[in-house]
Amino acid sequence: MNRTPARTVRLNIGAMLLDGMPRTAEEIRSALTGLYPGERHLCAESVELHLQALRAVGIVALADPDDAEARHGLTYVLSADGKTRVQRNLE
């Protein structure tokens, strides 16, 4: 039987973005698969919806399109406020 992670998907997304590296929804989905083995609802589209919700409340932002680290497609990073909020919720 699979054990559910103690953190929410959105908090795990925020924790993943703490390193400051811009990531796409697909990269985040790929990394989350290890935390949620067998979860069929974890797809790039659902991760994108989570990212859009986090963006709406100011936790994540779109990466600078001129940033050398940014790749094709939408890439996301934590905002300054988002970093504080994620760190506070991880304690």
C-alpha atoms as a PDB file:
ATOM      1  CA  MET A   1       0.000   0.000   0.000  1.00  0.00           C
ATOM      2  CA  ASN A   2       1.329   3.436  -0.945  1.00  0.00           C
ATOM      3  CA  ARG A   3       1.858   5.943   1.834  1.00  0.00           C
ATOM      4  CA  THR A   4       0.599   9.464   1.167  1.00  0.00           C
ATOM      5  CA  PRO A   5       3.234  12.203   1.572  1.00  0.00           C
ATOM      6  CA  ALA A   6       2.722  14.464   4.587  1.00  0.00           C
ATOM      7  CA  ARG A   7       2.952  17.617   2.448  1.00  0.00           C
ATOM      8  CA  THR A   8       0.466  18.843  -0.119  1.00  0.00           C
ATOM      9  CA  VAL A   9       1.338  18.779  -3.815  1.00  0.00           C
ATOM     10  CA  ARG A  10       1.580  22.573  -3.859  1.00  0.00           C
ATOM     11  CA  LEU A  11       3.948  22.644  -0.904  1.00  0.00           C
ATOM     12  CA  ASN A  12       6.094  19.988  -2.573  1.00  0.00           C
ATOM     13  CA  ILE A  13       6.164  22.119  -5.730  1.00  0.00           C
ATOM     14  CA  GLY A  14       7.268  25.120  -3.668  1.00  0.00           C
ATOM     15  CA  ALA A  15       9.927  23.056  -1.888  1.00  0.00           C
ATOM     16  CA  MET A  16      11.246  21.913  -5.244  1.00  0.00           C
ATOM     17  CA  LEU A  17      11.560  25.519  -6.456  1.00  0.00           C
ATOM     18  CA  LEU A  18      13.473  26.675  -3.347  1.00  0.00           C
ATOM     19  CA  ASP A  19      16.803  26.176  -5.097  1.00  0.00           C
ATOM     20  CA  GLY A  20      15.990  29.071  -7.467  1.00  0.00           C
ATOM     21  CA  MET A  21      16.238  27.011 -10.651  1.00  0.00           C
ATOM     22  CA  PRO A  22      13.446  27.720 -13.162  1.00  0.00           C
ATOM     23  CA  ARG A  23      11.433  24.611 -13.983  1.00  0.00           C
ATOM     24  CA  THR A  24       8.677  23.652 -16.387  1.00  0.00           C
ATOM     25  CA  ALA A  25       5.509  21.829 -15.369  1.00  0.00           C
ATOM     26  CA  GLU A  26       6.865  18.677 -17.010  1.00  0.00           C
ATOM     27  CA  GLU A  27      10.120  18.816 -15.026  1.00  0.00           C
ATOM     28  CA  ILE A  28       8.164  19.266 -11.799  1.00  0.00           C
ATOM     29  CA  ARG A  29       5.786  16.423 -12.698  1.00  0.00           C
ATOM     30  CA  SER A  30       8.726  14.145 -13.376  1.00  0.00           C
ATOM     31  CA  ALA A  31      10.283  14.937  -9.987  1.00  0.00           C
ATOM     32  CA  LEU A  32       6.967  14.519  -8.146  1.00  0.00           C
ATOM     33  CA  THR A  33       6.369  11.048  -9.547  1.00  0.00           C
ATOM     34  CA  GLY A  34       8.779   9.621  -6.988  1.00  0.00           C
ATOM     35  CA  LEU A  35       6.778  11.195  -4.153  1.00  0.00           C
ATOM     36  CA  TYR A  36       3.434  10.025  -5.508  1.00  0.00           C
ATOM     37  CA  PRO A  37       4.072   6.576  -7.046  1.00  0.00           C
ATOM     38  CA  GLY A  38       1.112   5.206  -8.938  1.00  0.00           C
ATOM     39  CA  GLU A  39      -0.807   8.499  -8.857  1.00  0.00           C
ATOM     40  CA  ARG A  40      -2.595   8.664 -12.196  1.00  0.00           C
ATOM     41  CA  HIS A  41      -3.828  12.227 -11.745  1.00  0.00           C
ATOM     42  CA  LEU A  42      -0.297  13.609 -11.594  1.00  0.00           C
ATOM     43  CA  CYS A  43       0.266  14.818 -15.151  1.00  0.00           C
ATOM     44  CA  ALA A  44       1.857  17.926 -16.679  1.00  0.00           C
ATOM     45  CA  GLU A  45      -1.571  19.524 -17.108  1.00  0.00           C
ATOM     46  CA  SER A  46      -2.508  19.135 -13.435  1.00  0.00           C
ATOM     47  CA  VAL A  47       0.914  20.422 -12.327  1.00  0.00           C
ATOM     48  CA  GLU A  48       0.415  23.403 -14.654  1.00  0.00           C
ATOM     49  CA  LEU A  49      -2.925  24.109 -12.932  1.00  0.00           C
ATOM     50  CA  HIS A  50      -1.219  23.995  -9.523  1.00  0.00           C
ATOM     51  CA  LEU A  51       1.482  26.372 -10.798  1.00  0.00           C
ATOM     52  CA  GLN A  52      -1.142  28.774 -12.163  1.00  0.00           C
ATOM     53  CA  ALA A  53      -2.933  28.747  -8.785  1.00  0.00           C
ATOM     54  CA  LEU A  54       0.354  29.435  -6.972  1.00  0.00           C
ATOM     55  CA  ARG A  55       1.095  32.205  -9.457  1.00  0.00           C
ATOM     56  CA  ALA A  56      -2.335  33.783  -8.860  1.00  0.00           C
ATOM     57  CA  VAL A  57      -1.551  34.216  -5.148  1.00  0.00           C
ATOM     58  CA  GLY A  58       2.004  35.424  -5.749  1.00  0.00           C
ATOM     59  CA  ILE A  59       3.951  32.381  -4.591  1.00  0.00           C
ATOM     60  CA  VAL A  60       5.480  31.574  -7.970  1.00  0.00           C
ATOM     61  CA  ALA A  61       6.248  33.766 -10.955  1.00  0.00           C
ATOM     62  CA  LEU A  62       7.183  33.177 -14.546  1.00  0.00           C
ATOM     63  CA  ALA A  63      10.930  33.000 -15.034  1.00  0.00           C
ATOM     64  CA  ASP A  64      12.517  35.893 -16.875  1.00  0.00           C
ATOM     65  CA  PRO A  65      12.337  34.998 -20.586  1.00  0.00           C
ATOM     66  CA  ASP A  66      15.801  36.555 -21.070  1.00  0.00           C
ATOM     67  CA  ASP A  67      17.260  34.316 -18.343  1.00  0.00           C
ATOM     68  CA  ALA A  68      19.828  31.904 -19.767  1.00  0.00           C
ATOM     69  CA  GLU A  69      18.418  29.200 -17.465  1.00  0.00           C
ATOM     70  CA  ALA A  70      14.903  29.562 -18.913  1.00  0.00           C
ATOM     71  CA  ARG A  71      14.026  26.911 -21.463  1.00  0.00           C
ATOM     72  CA  HIS A  72      11.301  26.563 -24.065  1.00  0.00           C
ATOM     73  CA  GLY A  73       7.793  26.786 -22.688  1.00  0.00           C
ATOM     74  CA  LEU A  74       6.689  28.368 -19.439  1.00  0.00           C
ATOM     75  CA  THR A  75       9.207  28.114 -16.650  1.00  0.00           C
ATOM     76  CA  TYR A  76       8.444  29.023 -13.070  1.00  0.00           C
ATOM     77  CA  VAL A  77      10.445  30.273 -10.086  1.00  0.00           C
ATOM     78  CA  LEU A  78       9.505  31.155  -6.516  1.00  0.00           C
ATOM     79  CA  SER A  79       8.832  34.812  -5.809  1.00  0.00           C
ATOM     80  CA  ALA A  80      10.597  36.412  -2.819  1.00  0.00           C
ATOM     81  CA  ASP A  81       7.356  36.242  -0.822  1.00  0.00           C
ATOM     82  CA  GLY A  82       6.779  32.683  -2.025  1.00  0.00           C
ATOM     83  CA  LYS A  83      10.203  31.611  -0.779  1.00  0.00           C
ATOM     84  CA  THR A  84       9.424  32.996   2.682  1.00  0.00           C
ATOM     85  CA  ARG A  85       6.004  31.350   2.762  1.00  0.00           C
ATOM     86  CA  VAL A  86       7.278  27.960   1.592  1.00  0.00           C
ATOM     87  CA  GLN A  87      10.150  27.958   4.100  1.00  0.00           C
ATOM     88  CA  ARG A  88       7.745  28.901   6.907  1.00  0.00           C
ATOM     89  CA  ASN A  89       5.410  26.011   5.993  1.00  0.00           C
ATOM     90  CA  LEU A  90       8.239  23.501   5.768  1.00  0.00           C
ATOM     91  CA  GLU A  91       9.282  24.119   9.397  1.00  0.00           C
END
